[in-house]
Amino acid sequence: MAKDINVLALVKGGERYIFLFDDDHRAECLRTLGRFASNQELSFTWYDAAVLSHKVRQSVPASQRPRGNRFQLPQQNDAPHTPDELGY
């Protein structure tokens, strides 16, 4: 069975950045975006990396996306409200 190839492209002036990756190599693509952004010889910026990495993450099929909240943050009603609850 053939694997699908994801394609990301960025045209910046006369430069073209084209990234090809399959679903198994999504993390490697994200690392490459970071390496390109940190290379001062390229016009590829951290903003470019952020935009393209967002697109990489969006390319995850819905069936493979994690469910629920990524972070377990306290809800507003969980926080102490009164001086007694705050320990004053």
N, C-alpha and C. Protein backbone atom coordinates (compact mmCIF):
# COMPACT_ATOMS: atom_id res chain seq x y z
N MET A 1 0.84 -1.17 0.00
CA MET A 1 0.00 0.00 0.00
C MET A 1 0.89 1.25 0.00
N ALA A 2 0.61 2.18 -0.87
CA ALA A 2 1.40 3.41 -0.98
C ALA A 2 1.00 4.38 0.13
N LYS A 3 2.01 5.07 0.67
CA LYS A 3 1.75 6.08 1.69
C LYS A 3 1.51 7.42 1.03
N ASP A 4 0.61 8.20 1.63
CA ASP A 4 0.38 9.55 1.14
C ASP A 4 1.54 10.44 1.56
N ILE A 5 1.88 11.38 0.72
CA ILE A 5 2.94 12.34 1.01
C ILE A 5 2.30 13.70 1.21
N ASN A 6 2.62 14.33 2.33
CA ASN A 6 2.15 15.68 2.61
C ASN A 6 3.15 16.67 2.02
N VAL A 7 2.65 17.77 1.48
CA VAL A 7 3.50 18.78 0.86
C VAL A 7 3.22 20.12 1.49
N LEU A 8 4.30 20.78 1.95
CA LEU A 8 4.21 22.16 2.44
C LEU A 8 5.12 22.99 1.56
N ALA A 9 4.66 24.14 1.14
CA ALA A 9 5.49 25.00 0.31
C ALA A 9 5.38 26.44 0.78
N LEU A 10 6.52 27.13 0.73
CA LEU A 10 6.58 28.54 1.08
C LEU A 10 7.42 29.23 0.01
N VAL A 11 6.84 30.25 -0.60
CA VAL A 11 7.57 31.05 -1.58
C VAL A 11 7.84 32.39 -0.94
N LYS A 12 9.12 32.74 -0.86
CA LYS A 12 9.55 33.99 -0.22
C LYS A 12 10.48 34.71 -1.17
N GLY A 13 9.95 35.72 -1.83
CA GLY A 13 10.76 36.40 -2.83
C GLY A 13 11.13 35.41 -3.93
N GLY A 14 12.42 35.28 -4.19
CA GLY A 14 12.87 34.34 -5.21
C GLY A 14 13.16 32.96 -4.67
N GLU A 15 12.99 32.76 -3.36
CA GLU A 15 13.28 31.47 -2.74
C GLU A 15 12.01 30.64 -2.61
N ARG A 16 12.21 29.33 -2.71
CA ARG A 16 11.10 28.39 -2.53
C ARG A 16 11.53 27.34 -1.52
N TYR A 17 10.71 27.17 -0.50
CA TYR A 17 10.94 26.13 0.50
C TYR A 17 9.85 25.10 0.33
N ILE A 18 10.23 23.87 0.05
CA ILE A 18 9.25 22.80 -0.16
C ILE A 18 9.61 21.65 0.78
N PHE A 19 8.65 21.23 1.58
CA PHE A 19 8.83 20.16 2.55
C PHE A 19 7.89 19.02 2.20
N LEU A 20 8.44 17.84 2.07
CA LEU A 20 7.66 16.63 1.79
C LEU A 20 7.83 15.69 2.98
N PHE A 21 6.72 15.16 3.48
CA PHE A 21 6.80 14.23 4.62
C PHE A 21 5.58 13.33 4.63
N ASP A 22 5.76 12.14 5.15
CA ASP A 22 4.60 11.26 5.34
C ASP A 22 4.18 11.33 6.81
N ASP A 23 3.10 10.68 7.14
CA ASP A 23 2.55 10.77 8.50
C ASP A 23 3.52 10.25 9.56
N ASP A 24 4.37 9.31 9.18
CA ASP A 24 5.32 8.75 10.14
C ASP A 24 6.50 9.67 10.42
N HIS A 25 6.68 10.70 9.61
CA HIS A 25 7.83 11.59 9.74
C HIS A 25 7.43 13.04 10.02
N ARG A 26 6.28 13.21 10.62
CA ARG A 26 5.78 14.55 10.96
C ARG A 26 6.72 15.25 11.95
N ALA A 27 7.18 14.54 12.97
CA ALA A 27 8.07 15.13 13.97
C ALA A 27 9.39 15.55 13.35
N GLU A 28 9.90 14.76 12.43
CA GLU A 28 11.14 15.12 11.75
C GLU A 28 10.97 16.39 10.93
N CYS A 29 9.83 16.54 10.30
CA CYS A 29 9.55 17.76 9.54
C CYS A 29 9.52 18.97 10.47
N LEU A 30 8.91 18.83 11.64
CA LEU A 30 8.86 19.93 12.60
C LEU A 30 10.27 20.32 13.05
N ARG A 31 11.13 19.34 13.29
CA ARG A 31 12.51 19.63 13.68
C ARG A 31 13.25 20.35 12.55
N THR A 32 12.99 19.94 11.32
CA THR A 32 13.63 20.59 10.17
C THR A 32 13.20 22.05 10.06
N LEU A 33 11.94 22.32 10.31
CA LEU A 33 11.47 23.71 10.29
C LEU A 33 12.25 24.55 11.30
N GLY A 34 12.47 23.99 12.48
CA GLY A 34 13.24 24.70 13.51
C GLY A 34 14.69 24.90 13.10
N ARG A 35 15.28 23.90 12.49
CA ARG A 35 16.67 24.04 12.03
C ARG A 35 16.80 25.11 10.95
N PHE A 36 15.83 25.13 10.03
CA PHE A 36 15.86 26.15 8.99
C PHE A 36 15.70 27.54 9.60
N ALA A 37 14.81 27.67 10.57
CA ALA A 37 14.58 28.98 11.19
C ALA A 37 15.81 29.48 11.94
N SER A 38 16.58 28.57 12.52
CA SER A 38 17.75 28.97 13.29
C SER A 38 18.97 29.23 12.40
N ASN A 39 18.88 28.90 11.13
CA ASN A 39 19.97 29.11 10.19
C ASN A 39 19.92 30.55 9.67
N GLN A 40 20.87 31.36 10.09
CA GLN A 40 20.86 32.78 9.73
C GLN A 40 21.22 33.02 8.26
N GLU A 41 21.69 32.01 7.57
CA GLU A 41 22.01 32.16 6.15
C GLU A 41 20.75 32.04 5.28
N LEU A 42 19.66 31.61 5.87
CA LEU A 42 18.40 31.48 5.14
C LEU A 42 17.47 32.63 5.49
N SER A 43 16.56 32.94 4.59
CA SER A 43 15.56 33.97 4.89
C SER A 43 14.37 33.37 5.64
N PHE A 44 14.41 32.08 5.90
CA PHE A 44 13.34 31.36 6.60
C PHE A 44 13.36 31.78 8.08
N THR A 45 12.24 32.34 8.56
CA THR A 45 12.20 32.90 9.91
C THR A 45 11.45 31.98 10.88
N TRP A 46 11.52 32.35 12.16
CA TRP A 46 10.76 31.61 13.17
C TRP A 46 9.26 31.76 12.93
N TYR A 47 8.85 32.89 12.40
CA TYR A 47 7.43 33.07 12.05
C TYR A 47 7.04 32.07 10.96
N ASP A 48 7.88 31.94 9.94
CA ASP A 48 7.62 30.96 8.88
C ASP A 48 7.51 29.56 9.47
N ALA A 49 8.44 29.23 10.38
CA ALA A 49 8.42 27.91 11.02
C ALA A 49 7.13 27.71 11.82
N ALA A 50 6.70 28.75 12.52
CA ALA A 50 5.47 28.64 13.33
C ALA A 50 4.25 28.41 12.44
N VAL A 51 4.16 29.16 11.37
CA VAL A 51 3.00 29.02 10.46
C VAL A 51 2.99 27.63 9.83
N LEU A 52 4.14 27.19 9.34
CA LEU A 52 4.18 25.88 8.69
C LEU A 52 4.02 24.74 9.68
N SER A 53 4.55 24.89 10.90
CA SER A 53 4.37 23.83 11.89
C SER A 53 2.91 23.70 12.29
N HIS A 54 2.20 24.82 12.30
CA HIS A 54 0.75 24.76 12.57
C HIS A 54 0.06 23.94 11.48
N LYS A 55 0.46 24.14 10.25
CA LYS A 55 -0.13 23.38 9.14
C LYS A 55 0.23 21.89 9.24
N VAL A 56 1.45 21.60 9.68
CA VAL A 56 1.85 20.19 9.86
C VAL A 56 0.95 19.55 10.90
N ARG A 57 0.73 20.24 12.00
CA ARG A 57 -0.11 19.68 13.07
C ARG A 57 -1.56 19.54 12.63
N GLN A 58 -2.03 20.45 11.79
CA GLN A 58 -3.41 20.35 11.29
C GLN A 58 -3.58 19.18 10.33
N SER A 59 -2.48 18.70 9.75
CA SER A 59 -2.58 17.62 8.78
C SER A 59 -2.79 16.25 9.45
N VAL A 60 -2.78 16.21 10.78
CA VAL A 60 -3.02 14.95 11.49
C VAL A 60 -4.50 14.58 11.31
N PRO A 61 -4.78 13.37 10.83
CA PRO A 61 -6.18 12.96 10.69
C PRO A 61 -6.92 13.04 12.02
N ALA A 62 -8.18 13.39 11.98
CA ALA A 62 -8.98 13.56 13.19
C ALA A 62 -8.97 12.30 14.05
N SER A 63 -8.91 11.14 13.43
CA SER A 63 -8.93 9.89 14.19
C SER A 63 -7.64 9.70 15.00
N GLN A 64 -6.56 10.41 14.65
CA GLN A 64 -5.29 10.27 15.36
C GLN A 64 -5.02 11.42 16.32
N ARG A 65 -5.87 12.44 16.33
CA ARG A 65 -5.66 13.58 17.22
C ARG A 65 -5.99 13.20 18.66
N PRO A 66 -5.21 13.71 19.61
CA PRO A 66 -5.52 13.44 21.01
C PRO A 66 -6.85 14.07 21.39
N ARG A 67 -7.56 13.39 22.25
CA ARG A 67 -8.86 13.91 22.71
C ARG A 67 -8.69 14.59 24.05
N GLY A 68 -9.58 15.53 24.34
CA GLY A 68 -9.56 16.20 25.63
C GLY A 68 -8.57 17.35 25.65
N ASN A 69 -8.45 17.95 26.82
CA ASN A 69 -7.55 19.08 26.99
C ASN A 69 -6.11 18.60 27.03
N ARG A 70 -5.25 19.37 26.41
CA ARG A 70 -3.83 19.04 26.43
C ARG A 70 -3.23 19.36 27.79
N PHE A 71 -3.74 20.40 28.41
CA PHE A 71 -3.24 20.83 29.71
C PHE A 71 -4.34 20.69 30.75
N GLN A 72 -3.97 20.31 31.93
CA GLN A 72 -4.93 20.22 33.02
C GLN A 72 -4.79 21.48 33.88
N LEU A 73 -5.44 22.54 33.47
CA LEU A 73 -5.38 23.80 34.19
C LEU A 73 -6.56 23.91 35.14
N PRO A 74 -6.35 24.55 36.29
CA PRO A 74 -7.48 24.72 37.20
C PRO A 74 -8.54 25.62 36.57
N GLN A 75 -9.76 25.28 36.81
CA GLN A 75 -10.86 26.12 36.35
C GLN A 75 -11.00 27.32 37.27
N GLN A 76 -11.61 28.36 36.79
CA GLN A 76 -11.74 29.58 37.57
C GLN A 76 -12.45 29.32 38.90
N ASN A 77 -13.43 28.46 38.89
CA ASN A 77 -14.17 28.17 40.13
C ASN A 77 -13.37 27.29 41.09
N ASP A 78 -12.20 26.73 40.64
CA ASP A 78 -11.35 25.93 41.51
C ASP A 78 -10.39 26.80 42.32
N ALA A 79 -10.18 28.03 41.90
CA ALA A 79 -9.21 28.91 42.56
C ALA A 79 -9.80 29.46 43.85
N PRO A 80 -8.95 29.70 44.87
CA PRO A 80 -9.45 30.30 46.12
C PRO A 80 -9.96 31.71 45.86
N HIS A 81 -11.05 32.07 46.55
CA HIS A 81 -11.68 33.37 46.33
C HIS A 81 -11.65 34.26 47.56
N THR A 82 -11.74 33.67 48.73
CA THR A 82 -11.85 34.47 49.96
C THR A 82 -10.52 34.49 50.68
N PRO A 83 -10.31 35.47 51.59
CA PRO A 83 -9.06 35.50 52.37
C PRO A 83 -8.84 34.20 53.15
N ASP A 84 -9.92 33.60 53.68
CA ASP A 84 -9.77 32.33 54.40
C ASP A 84 -9.24 31.24 53.48
N GLU A 85 -9.79 31.17 52.28
CA GLU A 85 -9.34 30.16 51.31
C GLU A 85 -7.91 30.42 50.86
N LEU A 86 -7.50 31.70 50.85
CA LEU A 86 -6.15 32.06 50.45
C LEU A 86 -5.14 31.89 51.58
N GLY A 87 -5.63 31.67 52.82
CA GLY A 87 -4.75 31.47 53.94
C GLY A 87 -4.35 32.75 54.67
N TYR A 88 -5.16 33.82 54.50
CA TYR A 88 -4.86 35.08 55.18
C TYR A 88 -5.52 35.12 56.54
